[in-house]
Amino acid sequence: MLPFASCLPGSLLLWALLLLLLGTASPQDSEEPDSYTECTDGYEWDPDSQHCRDIDECRYRYCQHRCVNLPGSFRCQCEPGFQLGPNNRSCVDVNECDMGAPCEQRCFNSYGTFLCRCHQGYELHRDGFSCSDIDECSYSSYLCQYRCVNEPGRFSCQCPQGYQLLATRLCQDIDECESGAHQCSEAQTCVNFHGGYRCVDTNRCVEPYVQVSDNRCLCPASNPLCREQPSSIVHRYMTITSERSVPADVFQIQATSVYPGAYNAFQIRAGNSQGDFYIRQINNVSAMLVLARPVTGPREYVLDLEMVTMNSLMSYRASSVLRLTVFVGAYTF
């Protein structure tokens, strides 16, 4: 009870109590305030409801990307790949590559996102993150001259035995005779061919022939057994590759001596039973051995190329043989 209530009439007491209650009421529930600032931050006066209502700050586009309205406030949010800047309103790019992006090999940051890439020799998987090895050997049979070997992220070329890799894809014959990587004895001569070598005896002359030089055998005119034989045999060696294009000139025969009035004819005396070669005479003193059809190695021919010298005026006839050993390599290189 008011201290002075005992001194007041009944009606005045009721008025005093009413004024006391009105004086303690909230200002936001009373009459319209003089200014909207009387509402707390984030609110404004609503004259219809006679209450302070929340302000939707998002309609003013305070945020660079997305705005979320809250009671009496708001919050800015960024699209994936961005984060709020220091002012909590603008959005700055996130470098996902520095934050553990799931790229298996290489990561490239871009505005708002990132890209995964692979090292040379790999291709990006459909998931966009992992890398798969590219089997280069399956794309072409011409990457390597002999054999292509796929490896993680790359490929390599291999050559068969007797060959060495030239640059990155070609195969080159190893000349074992030149490099000394052979097993020939002092009484033998090393003959190199595509993919290998052969040790041949230094003296290859067979009776009635006698050796007169490293590769030449002579049949003495004084020996009765030499009357029907070529006067000399010269040994030569050469090598060709498999499946060579034909016709192909492979060896030229040249007369070492020319006699006045003599006529020379060239022929294959032996070793050509399949007709793989033929002779094309160039002139009176030379002829060409021609490969007539493709041959596949490894294979070996021993051809007796004969030069017959004739002089009709003197009733003279003589012959000499060039014994040519032709090694056919196992490959086309």
Protein backbone atom coordinates (compact mmCIF):
# COMPACT_ATOMS: atom_id res chain seq x y z
CA MET A 1 0.00 0.00 0.00
CA LEU A 2 1.13 3.50 -0.82
CA PRO A 3 2.43 5.37 2.23
CA PHE A 4 -0.18 8.06 1.74
CA ALA A 5 -3.02 5.76 0.77
CA SER A 6 -4.71 6.10 4.17
CA CYS A 7 -5.20 9.81 3.63
CA LEU A 8 -6.85 9.50 0.14
CA PRO A 9 -10.50 8.96 -0.68
CA GLY A 10 -11.43 5.68 -2.42
CA SER A 11 -11.74 7.15 -5.96
CA LEU A 12 -8.43 8.97 -5.75
CA LEU A 13 -6.76 5.76 -4.64
CA LEU A 14 -7.86 3.95 -7.80
CA TRP A 15 -6.49 6.74 -10.02
CA ALA A 16 -3.16 6.70 -8.23
CA LEU A 17 -2.80 2.95 -8.78
CA LEU A 18 -3.66 3.31 -12.50
CA LEU A 19 -1.05 6.03 -13.04
CA LEU A 20 1.56 3.95 -11.28
CA LEU A 21 0.92 0.98 -13.56
CA LEU A 22 1.04 3.09 -16.73
CA GLY A 23 4.31 4.70 -15.67
CA THR A 24 6.16 1.31 -15.49
CA ALA A 25 4.98 -0.03 -18.92
CA SER A 26 7.55 -0.77 -21.75
CA PRO A 27 8.09 2.10 -24.19
CA GLN A 28 7.90 -0.34 -27.26
CA ASP A 29 4.34 -1.35 -26.07
CA SER A 30 3.10 2.23 -25.58
CA GLU A 31 2.18 4.84 -28.07
CA GLU A 32 4.19 5.19 -31.36
CA PRO A 33 7.69 6.38 -30.50
CA ASP A 34 8.98 9.65 -31.77
CA SER A 35 11.78 7.93 -33.76
CA TYR A 36 12.50 4.42 -35.16
CA THR A 37 15.81 4.50 -33.32
CA GLU A 38 13.95 3.65 -30.20
CA CYS A 39 13.79 0.03 -31.60
CA THR A 40 16.91 -2.05 -31.02
CA ASP A 41 19.41 -2.58 -33.85
CA GLY A 42 18.04 -4.75 -36.59
CA TYR A 43 14.44 -3.77 -35.95
CA GLU A 44 12.11 -1.01 -37.16
CA TRP A 45 8.78 0.30 -35.95
CA ASP A 46 5.72 -1.21 -37.53
CA PRO A 47 2.86 1.31 -37.26
CA ASP A 48 0.28 -1.31 -38.18
CA SER A 49 1.15 -3.78 -35.45
CA GLN A 50 2.46 -1.11 -33.12
CA HIS A 51 5.51 -3.33 -32.54
CA CYS A 52 9.16 -3.36 -33.58
CA ARG A 53 9.64 -5.74 -36.52
CA ASP A 54 12.80 -7.39 -37.87
CA ILE A 55 14.55 -5.63 -40.75
CA ASP A 56 15.34 -7.93 -43.73
CA GLU A 57 18.85 -6.65 -44.45
CA CYS A 58 19.23 -9.13 -47.35
CA ARG A 59 17.06 -6.95 -49.56
CA TYR A 60 19.80 -4.33 -49.50
CA ARG A 61 22.33 -6.76 -50.99
CA TYR A 62 24.98 -6.36 -48.37
CA CYS A 63 26.46 -9.80 -49.26
CA GLN A 64 28.47 -10.60 -52.40
CA HIS A 65 27.03 -14.10 -52.83
CA ARG A 66 24.26 -15.26 -50.49
CA CYS A 67 22.48 -13.58 -47.59
CA VAL A 68 20.67 -15.29 -44.73
CA ASN A 69 18.33 -13.08 -42.73
CA LEU A 70 18.31 -13.57 -38.96
CA PRO A 71 16.17 -11.99 -36.20
CA GLY A 72 17.66 -8.55 -35.74
CA SER A 73 20.65 -9.36 -37.96
CA PHE A 74 21.87 -11.21 -41.08
CA ARG A 75 24.71 -13.49 -42.15
CA CYS A 76 26.60 -13.70 -45.46
CA GLN A 77 27.45 -17.02 -47.05
CA CYS A 78 29.66 -17.89 -50.03
CA GLU A 79 29.29 -20.30 -52.92
CA PRO A 80 31.38 -23.52 -52.87
CA GLY A 81 35.01 -22.67 -53.62
CA PHE A 82 34.90 -19.35 -51.75
CA GLN A 83 35.14 -18.18 -48.18
CA LEU A 84 34.13 -14.98 -46.39
CA GLY A 85 36.63 -12.17 -46.55
CA PRO A 86 37.77 -10.08 -43.55
CA ASN A 87 34.69 -7.83 -43.82
CA ASN A 88 32.35 -10.86 -43.52
CA ARG A 89 30.48 -9.71 -46.62
CA SER A 90 32.68 -10.24 -49.67
CA CYS A 91 33.83 -13.68 -50.83
CA VAL A 92 37.40 -14.61 -51.73
CA ASP A 93 38.57 -17.65 -53.71
CA VAL A 94 39.69 -20.71 -51.76
CA ASN A 95 42.85 -22.41 -53.01
CA GLU A 96 41.65 -25.99 -52.77
CA CYS A 97 45.05 -27.24 -53.93
CA ASP A 98 46.56 -26.01 -50.65
CA MET A 99 43.73 -27.49 -48.64
CA GLY A 100 44.03 -31.15 -49.63
CA ALA A 101 42.16 -31.29 -52.92
CA PRO A 102 41.68 -34.96 -53.93
CA CYS A 103 43.82 -34.76 -57.07
CA GLU A 104 46.01 -37.83 -57.48
CA GLN A 105 48.85 -36.11 -59.36
CA ARG A 106 48.53 -32.41 -60.22
CA CYS A 107 46.15 -29.73 -58.97
CA PHE A 108 45.45 -26.33 -60.57
CA ASN A 109 43.46 -23.74 -58.66
CA SER A 110 40.95 -21.63 -60.59
CA TYR A 111 38.39 -19.03 -59.60
CA GLY A 112 35.90 -20.77 -57.34
CA THR A 113 37.05 -24.29 -58.11
CA PHE A 114 40.06 -26.43 -59.04
CA LEU A 115 41.14 -28.77 -61.81
CA CYS A 116 42.96 -32.07 -61.59
CA ARG A 117 45.51 -32.92 -64.24
CA CYS A 118 47.85 -35.84 -64.82
CA HIS A 119 51.52 -36.21 -65.61
CA GLN A 120 52.65 -37.03 -69.12
CA GLY A 121 51.85 -40.63 -69.91
CA TYR A 122 48.67 -40.64 -67.83
CA GLU A 123 45.09 -39.64 -68.53
CA LEU A 124 42.42 -38.31 -66.18
CA HIS A 125 39.92 -40.88 -64.99
CA ARG A 126 36.21 -40.29 -65.37
CA ASP A 127 35.97 -39.37 -61.67
CA GLY A 128 37.98 -36.23 -62.46
CA PHE A 129 40.52 -36.89 -59.72
CA SER A 130 42.53 -40.06 -60.31
CA CYS A 131 44.96 -40.79 -63.15
CA SER A 132 45.27 -43.92 -65.28
CA ASP A 133 48.34 -45.02 -67.17
CA ILE A 134 48.18 -44.65 -70.96
CA ASP A 135 49.19 -47.82 -72.80
CA GLU A 136 51.01 -46.10 -75.64
CA CYS A 137 51.94 -49.45 -77.19
CA SER A 138 48.28 -50.22 -77.88
CA TYR A 139 47.82 -47.08 -79.99
CA SER A 140 50.29 -47.88 -82.75
CA SER A 141 52.51 -50.70 -83.94
CA TYR A 142 54.98 -48.16 -85.35
CA LEU A 143 56.18 -46.66 -82.06
CA CYS A 144 59.06 -49.12 -81.91
CA GLN A 145 60.92 -50.84 -84.70
CA TYR A 146 60.92 -54.17 -82.87
CA ARG A 147 59.05 -54.35 -79.55
CA CYS A 148 57.16 -51.79 -77.48
CA VAL A 149 57.04 -52.22 -73.69
CA ASN A 150 54.48 -50.21 -71.73
CA GLU A 151 55.63 -48.79 -68.40
CA PRO A 152 53.91 -46.57 -65.80
CA GLY A 153 53.63 -43.16 -67.45
CA ARG A 154 55.83 -44.03 -70.41
CA PHE A 155 56.93 -46.71 -72.83
CA SER A 156 60.26 -48.05 -73.99
CA CYS A 157 61.50 -49.87 -77.06
CA GLN A 158 63.47 -53.09 -77.02
CA CYS A 159 65.62 -54.72 -79.67
CA PRO A 160 66.29 -58.43 -80.32
CA GLN A 161 69.54 -60.12 -79.46
CA GLY A 162 72.36 -58.91 -81.65
CA TYR A 163 70.92 -55.42 -81.95
CA GLN A 164 71.15 -52.25 -79.89
CA LEU A 165 68.72 -49.39 -79.50
CA LEU A 166 69.44 -46.43 -81.77
CA ALA A 167 67.99 -43.17 -80.39
CA THR A 168 64.67 -44.17 -78.80
CA ARG A 169 62.88 -46.50 -81.24
CA LEU A 170 65.21 -47.89 -83.91
CA CYS A 171 67.34 -51.01 -83.74
CA GLN A 172 70.89 -51.14 -85.05
CA ASP A 173 72.95 -54.25 -85.65
CA ILE A 174 75.80 -54.77 -83.21
CA ASP A 175 79.01 -55.37 -85.13
CA GLU A 176 80.60 -57.96 -82.88
CA CYS A 177 83.58 -58.21 -85.18
CA GLU A 178 84.26 -54.47 -84.90
CA SER A 179 83.71 -54.29 -81.15
CA GLY A 180 85.69 -57.45 -80.36
CA ALA A 181 82.68 -59.12 -78.74
CA HIS A 182 83.17 -62.39 -80.61
CA GLN A 183 84.62 -65.80 -79.88
CA CYS A 184 86.62 -66.35 -83.07
CA SER A 185 90.10 -67.85 -82.79
CA GLU A 186 93.28 -66.52 -84.38
CA ALA A 187 92.89 -69.08 -87.15
CA GLN A 188 89.45 -67.74 -87.98
CA THR A 189 87.99 -64.62 -89.46
CA CYS A 190 84.97 -62.89 -87.93
CA VAL A 191 82.18 -62.12 -90.38
CA ASN A 192 79.40 -59.84 -89.13
CA PHE A 193 75.82 -60.03 -90.38
CA HIS A 194 72.45 -58.65 -89.28
CA GLY A 195 71.84 -59.87 -85.75
CA GLY A 196 74.97 -61.97 -85.31
CA TYR A 197 78.35 -63.05 -86.61
CA ARG A 198 80.11 -66.11 -88.02
CA CYS A 199 83.62 -67.41 -87.45
CA VAL A 200 85.08 -68.76 -90.69
CA ASP A 201 88.42 -70.47 -91.24
CA THR A 202 91.11 -68.25 -92.65
CA ASN A 203 92.13 -70.97 -95.10
CA ARG A 204 89.00 -71.95 -96.99
CA CYS A 205 90.73 -73.56 -99.95
CA VAL A 206 89.92 -77.18 -100.78
CA GLU A 207 92.05 -79.47 -102.95
CA PRO A 208 93.08 -79.03 -105.70
CA TYR A 209 93.02 -75.30 -104.79
CA VAL A 210 95.78 -73.65 -102.83
CA GLN A 211 95.53 -70.46 -100.81
CA VAL A 212 97.28 -67.45 -102.30
CA SER A 213 95.74 -64.76 -100.06
CA ASP A 214 93.28 -64.44 -97.18
CA ASN A 215 90.26 -64.87 -99.40
CA ARG A 216 91.59 -66.20 -102.71
CA CYS A 217 92.20 -69.79 -103.75
CA LEU A 218 94.03 -70.70 -106.97
CA CYS A 219 93.87 -73.93 -108.92
CA PRO A 220 97.36 -74.47 -110.46
CA ALA A 221 97.34 -75.03 -114.21
CA SER A 222 99.99 -77.71 -113.72
CA ASN A 223 97.51 -79.83 -111.76
CA PRO A 224 95.50 -82.11 -114.10
CA LEU A 225 92.51 -81.85 -111.71
CA CYS A 226 92.24 -78.12 -112.48
CA ARG A 227 91.52 -78.48 -116.19
CA GLU A 228 87.74 -78.52 -115.77
CA GLN A 229 87.66 -76.23 -112.74
CA PRO A 230 87.53 -72.44 -112.46
CA SER A 231 91.04 -71.06 -112.29
CA SER A 232 90.37 -69.23 -109.03
CA ILE A 233 87.80 -68.88 -106.28
CA VAL A 234 87.47 -65.63 -104.32
CA HIS A 235 85.46 -65.71 -101.08
CA ARG A 236 83.18 -62.80 -100.20
CA TYR A 237 80.46 -62.26 -97.58
CA MET A 238 77.47 -59.96 -97.37
CA THR A 239 74.27 -59.55 -95.38
CA ILE A 240 70.74 -58.44 -96.30
CA THR A 241 67.54 -57.94 -94.31
CA SER A 242 64.39 -60.04 -94.46
CA GLU A 243 61.51 -59.12 -96.74
CA ARG A 244 63.57 -56.70 -98.79
CA SER A 245 61.76 -54.96 -101.64
CA VAL A 246 62.41 -56.56 -105.00
CA PRO A 247 63.91 -56.50 -107.50
CA ALA A 248 66.94 -55.25 -105.59
CA ASP A 249 70.55 -54.88 -106.67
CA VAL A 250 72.60 -56.54 -103.95
CA PHE A 251 76.13 -57.15 -105.24
CA GLN A 252 78.24 -55.94 -108.18
CA ILE A 253 80.76 -58.23 -109.84
CA GLN A 254 83.78 -56.62 -111.46
CA ALA A 255 86.49 -58.21 -113.63
CA THR A 256 89.97 -57.52 -112.26
CA SER A 257 91.78 -58.22 -115.54
CA VAL A 258 90.79 -57.34 -119.09
CA TYR A 259 92.33 -59.08 -122.09
CA PRO A 260 92.22 -57.64 -125.64
CA GLY A 261 89.65 -59.36 -127.80
CA ALA A 262 88.19 -61.27 -124.87
CA TYR A 263 84.49 -61.41 -124.06
CA ASN A 264 83.24 -61.90 -120.50
CA ALA A 265 79.94 -63.53 -119.57
CA PHE A 266 78.55 -63.71 -116.06
CA GLN A 267 76.30 -66.38 -114.57
CA ILE A 268 75.26 -68.04 -111.31
CA ARG A 269 77.10 -71.35 -111.39
CA ALA A 270 75.67 -72.85 -108.15
CA GLY A 271 73.62 -72.11 -105.06
CA ASN A 272 70.49 -70.66 -106.69
CA SER A 273 68.28 -73.71 -107.03
CA GLN A 274 65.14 -71.76 -105.99
CA GLY A 275 65.78 -68.93 -108.43
CA ASP A 276 65.85 -66.26 -105.72
CA PHE A 277 68.61 -64.35 -107.58
CA TYR A 278 69.60 -63.56 -111.16
CA ILE A 279 72.49 -61.85 -112.94
CA ARG A 280 72.11 -58.65 -114.93
CA GLN A 281 75.16 -57.97 -117.04
CA ILE A 282 76.10 -54.30 -117.15
CA ASN A 283 78.96 -54.40 -119.65
CA ASN A 284 81.87 -56.59 -120.70
CA VAL A 285 83.63 -56.28 -117.36
CA SER A 286 80.86 -56.01 -114.75
CA ALA A 287 77.50 -57.46 -113.76
CA MET A 288 74.96 -57.06 -110.98
CA LEU A 289 73.56 -59.75 -108.70
CA VAL A 290 69.83 -59.02 -108.29
CA LEU A 291 67.47 -60.33 -105.61
CA ALA A 292 64.47 -61.56 -107.56
CA ARG A 293 61.94 -62.12 -104.77
CA PRO A 294 61.60 -61.40 -101.06
CA VAL A 295 63.38 -63.83 -98.77
CA THR A 296 62.84 -64.39 -95.06
CA GLY A 297 65.63 -65.09 -92.60
CA PRO A 298 67.46 -66.27 -90.81
CA ARG A 299 68.84 -67.92 -93.91
CA GLU A 300 72.14 -68.40 -95.68
CA TYR A 301 73.00 -68.66 -99.39
CA VAL A 302 76.33 -69.68 -100.86
CA LEU A 303 76.33 -68.49 -104.48
CA ASP A 304 79.06 -69.27 -106.98
CA LEU A 305 79.10 -66.27 -109.33
CA GLU A 306 81.12 -67.23 -112.36
CA MET A 307 82.81 -65.01 -114.93
CA VAL A 308 83.57 -66.90 -118.15
CA THR A 309 86.23 -65.30 -120.37
CA MET A 310 86.22 -66.29 -124.07
CA ASN A 311 88.31 -65.37 -127.08
CA SER A 312 86.99 -67.01 -130.26
CA LEU A 313 90.02 -66.04 -132.33
CA MET A 314 92.40 -67.76 -129.98
CA SER A 315 89.96 -70.54 -129.00
CA TYR A 316 90.50 -69.48 -125.41
CA ARG A 317 88.10 -70.15 -122.57
CA ALA A 318 88.66 -69.69 -118.87
CA SER A 319 86.55 -68.99 -115.81
CA SER A 320 86.84 -67.71 -112.29
CA VAL A 321 84.37 -67.87 -109.42
CA LEU A 322 83.38 -65.42 -106.75
CA ARG A 323 81.92 -67.52 -103.95
CA LEU A 324 79.50 -65.15 -102.25
CA THR A 325 77.94 -66.10 -98.91
CA VAL A 326 74.72 -64.13 -98.37
CA PHE A 327 73.38 -63.99 -94.81
CA VAL A 328 69.70 -63.07 -94.54
CA GLY A 329 68.85 -61.51 -91.17
CA ALA A 330 65.82 -62.55 -89.17
CA TYR A 331 64.24 -59.09 -89.25
CA THR A 332 63.43 -56.34 -91.69
CA PHE A 333 66.01 -54.04 -90.14
